[in-house]
Amino acid sequence: MSDYLVAAARWRRENRGAAKESPSNLLMTAASRALSVLALADEAGLSRLRAAYDPAPAPTTPTGGQPGASAGVLPAPPSPGTAPRR
């Protein structure tokens, strides 16, 4: 079925001169929209599979250092104060 939809959606080149409301133009438009839906469903399915089988690593808790500081987060830069300007 998906092969048929791909073929119909790519039919645009062959029926470029078809009238806007002609059956061939309507078929091509419907097939193109159906392919968009299939692409979105495929992307959503891949996202769900990745979330289930390849979850992000759990954050590690710092063992020492400043209390409240998390690993991997850089400290805030010092305030500009009286630093020379360029």
N, C-alpha and C. Protein backbone atom coordinates (compact mmCIF):
# COMPACT_ATOMS: atom_id res chain seq x y z
N MET A 1 0.83 -1.19 0.00
CA MET A 1 0.00 0.00 0.00
C MET A 1 0.88 1.26 0.00
N SER A 2 1.93 1.25 0.82
CA SER A 2 2.78 2.44 0.88
C SER A 2 3.50 2.68 -0.44
N ASP A 3 3.84 1.61 -1.17
CA ASP A 3 4.46 1.78 -2.49
C ASP A 3 3.51 2.50 -3.44
N TYR A 4 2.24 2.17 -3.35
CA TYR A 4 1.25 2.82 -4.20
C TYR A 4 1.14 4.31 -3.85
N LEU A 5 1.13 4.61 -2.55
CA LEU A 5 1.04 6.02 -2.13
C LEU A 5 2.26 6.81 -2.59
N VAL A 6 3.43 6.21 -2.49
CA VAL A 6 4.65 6.90 -2.94
C VAL A 6 4.57 7.16 -4.44
N ALA A 7 4.14 6.15 -5.20
CA ALA A 7 4.03 6.33 -6.65
C ALA A 7 3.01 7.41 -7.00
N ALA A 8 1.89 7.43 -6.30
CA ALA A 8 0.86 8.44 -6.58
C ALA A 8 1.33 9.83 -6.17
N ALA A 9 2.05 9.94 -5.07
CA ALA A 9 2.54 11.25 -4.63
C ALA A 9 3.59 11.79 -5.58
N ARG A 10 4.37 10.92 -6.18
CA ARG A 10 5.41 11.35 -7.13
C ARG A 10 4.87 11.53 -8.54
N TRP A 11 3.60 11.35 -8.71
CA TRP A 11 2.94 11.47 -10.00
C TRP A 11 2.91 12.92 -10.46
N ARG A 12 3.26 13.81 -9.61
CA ARG A 12 3.19 15.24 -9.86
C ARG A 12 3.91 15.62 -11.16
N ARG A 13 5.04 15.03 -11.40
CA ARG A 13 5.82 15.38 -12.60
C ARG A 13 5.08 14.99 -13.88
N GLU A 14 4.40 13.87 -13.83
CA GLU A 14 3.72 13.38 -15.04
C GLU A 14 2.44 14.13 -15.33
N ASN A 15 1.75 14.60 -14.32
CA ASN A 15 0.47 15.28 -14.50
C ASN A 15 0.54 16.73 -14.07
N ARG A 16 1.61 17.38 -14.41
CA ARG A 16 1.80 18.77 -14.01
C ARG A 16 0.70 19.66 -14.58
N GLY A 17 0.22 19.35 -15.77
CA GLY A 17 -0.79 20.19 -16.42
C GLY A 17 -2.21 19.82 -16.06
N ALA A 18 -2.43 18.89 -15.13
CA ALA A 18 -3.78 18.47 -14.77
C ALA A 18 -4.52 19.61 -14.08
N ALA A 19 -5.82 19.69 -14.35
CA ALA A 19 -6.64 20.73 -13.72
C ALA A 19 -6.66 20.52 -12.21
N LYS A 20 -6.86 21.63 -11.49
CA LYS A 20 -6.74 21.59 -10.03
C LYS A 20 -7.73 20.62 -9.38
N GLU A 21 -8.93 20.53 -9.86
CA GLU A 21 -9.94 19.65 -9.25
C GLU A 21 -10.12 18.35 -10.04
N SER A 22 -9.19 18.02 -10.91
CA SER A 22 -9.30 16.79 -11.70
C SER A 22 -9.04 15.58 -10.80
N PRO A 23 -9.58 14.42 -11.17
CA PRO A 23 -9.36 13.22 -10.35
C PRO A 23 -7.88 12.89 -10.15
N SER A 24 -7.08 13.05 -11.18
CA SER A 24 -5.66 12.72 -11.03
C SER A 24 -4.98 13.67 -10.05
N ASN A 25 -5.34 14.95 -10.09
CA ASN A 25 -4.76 15.92 -9.16
C ASN A 25 -5.23 15.64 -7.74
N LEU A 26 -6.51 15.31 -7.57
CA LEU A 26 -7.03 15.01 -6.23
C LEU A 26 -6.36 13.75 -5.66
N LEU A 27 -6.14 12.75 -6.51
CA LEU A 27 -5.47 11.53 -6.06
C LEU A 27 -4.04 11.83 -5.62
N MET A 28 -3.34 12.64 -6.40
CA MET A 28 -1.96 12.99 -6.06
C MET A 28 -1.91 13.77 -4.74
N THR A 29 -2.83 14.70 -4.55
CA THR A 29 -2.87 15.49 -3.31
C THR A 29 -3.17 14.60 -2.11
N ALA A 30 -4.15 13.71 -2.25
CA ALA A 30 -4.49 12.80 -1.15
C ALA A 30 -3.33 11.88 -0.81
N ALA A 31 -2.65 11.38 -1.82
CA ALA A 31 -1.51 10.50 -1.57
C ALA A 31 -0.38 11.25 -0.88
N SER A 32 -0.16 12.48 -1.28
CA SER A 32 0.89 13.28 -0.65
C SER A 32 0.58 13.53 0.82
N ARG A 33 -0.67 13.83 1.12
CA ARG A 33 -1.06 14.04 2.52
C ARG A 33 -0.96 12.75 3.33
N ALA A 34 -1.34 11.64 2.71
CA ALA A 34 -1.23 10.35 3.41
C ALA A 34 0.23 10.03 3.71
N LEU A 35 1.12 10.35 2.79
CA LEU A 35 2.55 10.12 3.04
C LEU A 35 3.05 10.98 4.19
N SER A 36 2.55 12.21 4.30
CA SER A 36 2.95 13.07 5.42
C SER A 36 2.52 12.45 6.74
N VAL A 37 1.32 11.92 6.78
CA VAL A 37 0.82 11.27 8.00
C VAL A 37 1.67 10.05 8.33
N LEU A 38 2.00 9.25 7.32
CA LEU A 38 2.83 8.07 7.56
C LEU A 38 4.21 8.45 8.06
N ALA A 39 4.77 9.53 7.54
CA ALA A 39 6.09 9.98 8.00
C ALA A 39 6.03 10.43 9.45
N LEU A 40 4.97 11.16 9.83
CA LEU A 40 4.82 11.59 11.22
C LEU A 40 4.64 10.39 12.15
N ALA A 41 3.85 9.41 11.72
CA ALA A 41 3.64 8.22 12.54
C ALA A 41 4.94 7.44 12.70
N ASP A 42 5.72 7.36 11.64
CA ASP A 42 7.01 6.66 11.71
C ASP A 42 7.95 7.37 12.67
N GLU A 43 7.99 8.69 12.60
CA GLU A 43 8.86 9.46 13.51
C GLU A 43 8.42 9.29 14.96
N ALA A 44 7.11 9.30 15.20
CA ALA A 44 6.61 9.11 16.56
C ALA A 44 6.94 7.71 17.07
N GLY A 45 6.81 6.72 16.21
CA GLY A 45 7.14 5.35 16.61
C GLY A 45 8.60 5.20 16.97
N LEU A 46 9.47 5.81 16.16
CA LEU A 46 10.91 5.75 16.47
C LEU A 46 11.22 6.45 17.79
N SER A 47 10.57 7.58 18.03
CA SER A 47 10.80 8.30 19.29
C SER A 47 10.39 7.46 20.49
N ARG A 48 9.25 6.78 20.37
CA ARG A 48 8.80 5.93 21.49
C ARG A 48 9.74 4.75 21.70
N LEU A 49 10.21 4.15 20.61
CA LEU A 49 11.16 3.04 20.74
C LEU A 49 12.46 3.50 21.38
N ARG A 50 12.96 4.66 20.96
CA ARG A 50 14.20 5.17 21.55
C ARG A 50 14.02 5.46 23.03
N ALA A 51 12.88 6.01 23.40
CA ALA A 51 12.62 6.31 24.81
C ALA A 51 12.55 5.04 25.64
N ALA A 52 12.01 3.98 25.06
CA ALA A 52 11.85 2.74 25.81
C ALA A 52 13.14 1.93 25.88
N TYR A 53 13.90 1.89 24.79
CA TYR A 53 15.05 1.00 24.73
C TYR A 53 16.39 1.70 24.83
N ASP A 54 16.42 3.00 24.69
CA ASP A 54 17.68 3.74 24.77
C ASP A 54 17.46 5.01 25.59
N PRO A 55 17.08 4.84 26.88
CA PRO A 55 16.81 6.03 27.69
C PRO A 55 18.08 6.82 27.96
N ALA A 56 17.89 8.08 28.25
CA ALA A 56 19.02 8.95 28.59
C ALA A 56 19.64 8.46 29.89
N PRO A 57 20.94 8.60 30.04
CA PRO A 57 21.57 8.15 31.28
C PRO A 57 21.07 8.97 32.48
N ALA A 58 20.95 8.30 33.60
CA ALA A 58 20.50 8.97 34.82
C ALA A 58 21.60 9.91 35.30
N PRO A 59 21.23 11.09 35.78
CA PRO A 59 22.25 12.02 36.27
C PRO A 59 22.93 11.46 37.51
N THR A 60 24.22 11.69 37.61
CA THR A 60 24.96 11.22 38.78
C THR A 60 24.95 12.29 39.85
N THR A 61 24.96 11.87 41.09
CA THR A 61 24.99 12.83 42.19
C THR A 61 26.43 13.12 42.55
N PRO A 62 26.75 14.36 42.85
CA PRO A 62 28.13 14.69 43.19
C PRO A 62 28.50 14.07 44.54
N THR A 63 29.73 13.58 44.64
CA THR A 63 30.17 12.96 45.88
C THR A 63 30.87 13.95 46.79
N GLY A 64 31.41 14.99 46.25
CA GLY A 64 32.10 15.99 47.07
C GLY A 64 31.95 17.35 46.43
N GLY A 65 32.65 18.30 46.97
CA GLY A 65 32.59 19.63 46.38
C GLY A 65 31.54 20.48 47.06
N GLN A 66 31.04 21.43 46.35
CA GLN A 66 30.08 22.37 46.92
C GLN A 66 28.73 21.71 47.08
N PRO A 67 28.06 21.95 48.20
CA PRO A 67 26.72 21.39 48.36
C PRO A 67 25.76 22.07 47.39
N GLY A 68 24.89 21.28 46.80
CA GLY A 68 23.91 21.83 45.87
C GLY A 68 24.41 21.93 44.45
N ALA A 69 25.71 21.75 44.23
CA ALA A 69 26.24 21.82 42.87
C ALA A 69 26.04 20.46 42.21
N SER A 70 25.60 20.45 40.99
CA SER A 70 25.40 19.19 40.30
C SER A 70 26.56 18.94 39.36
N ALA A 71 26.83 17.68 39.12
CA ALA A 71 27.93 17.31 38.24
C ALA A 71 27.59 17.71 36.81
N GLY A 72 28.56 18.23 36.10
CA GLY A 72 28.35 18.59 34.71
C GLY A 72 27.85 20.00 34.50
N VAL A 73 27.49 20.69 35.55
CA VAL A 73 27.02 22.07 35.42
C VAL A 73 28.15 23.00 35.82
N LEU A 74 28.49 23.89 34.95
CA LEU A 74 29.57 24.82 35.23
C LEU A 74 29.10 25.90 36.20
N PRO A 75 30.01 26.41 37.03
CA PRO A 75 29.61 27.49 37.94
C PRO A 75 29.32 28.75 37.14
N ALA A 76 28.56 29.64 37.74
CA ALA A 76 28.22 30.90 37.07
C ALA A 76 29.49 31.74 36.91
N PRO A 77 29.61 32.46 35.80
CA PRO A 77 30.79 33.30 35.61
C PRO A 77 30.78 34.45 36.60
N PRO A 78 31.94 34.99 36.92
CA PRO A 78 31.97 36.11 37.86
C PRO A 78 31.30 37.33 37.24
N SER A 79 30.76 38.17 38.11
CA SER A 79 30.10 39.38 37.60
C SER A 79 31.14 40.31 37.01
N PRO A 80 30.78 41.11 36.00
CA PRO A 80 31.76 41.97 35.34
C PRO A 80 32.38 42.99 36.28
N GLY A 81 31.63 43.47 37.26
CA GLY A 81 32.17 44.40 38.26
C GLY A 81 32.95 45.54 37.64
N THR A 82 34.23 45.66 38.02
CA THR A 82 35.07 46.75 37.52
C THR A 82 36.07 46.27 36.48
N ALA A 83 35.71 45.25 35.76
CA ALA A 83 36.62 44.74 34.73
C ALA A 83 36.79 45.79 33.63
N PRO A 84 37.98 45.87 33.06
CA PRO A 84 38.20 46.86 32.00
C PRO A 84 37.35 46.53 30.78
N ARG A 85 36.86 47.55 30.12
CA ARG A 85 36.04 47.37 28.92
C ARG A 85 36.89 47.56 27.70
N ARG A 86 36.52 46.91 26.65
CA ARG A 86 37.28 47.03 25.40
C ARG A 86 36.60 47.96 24.44
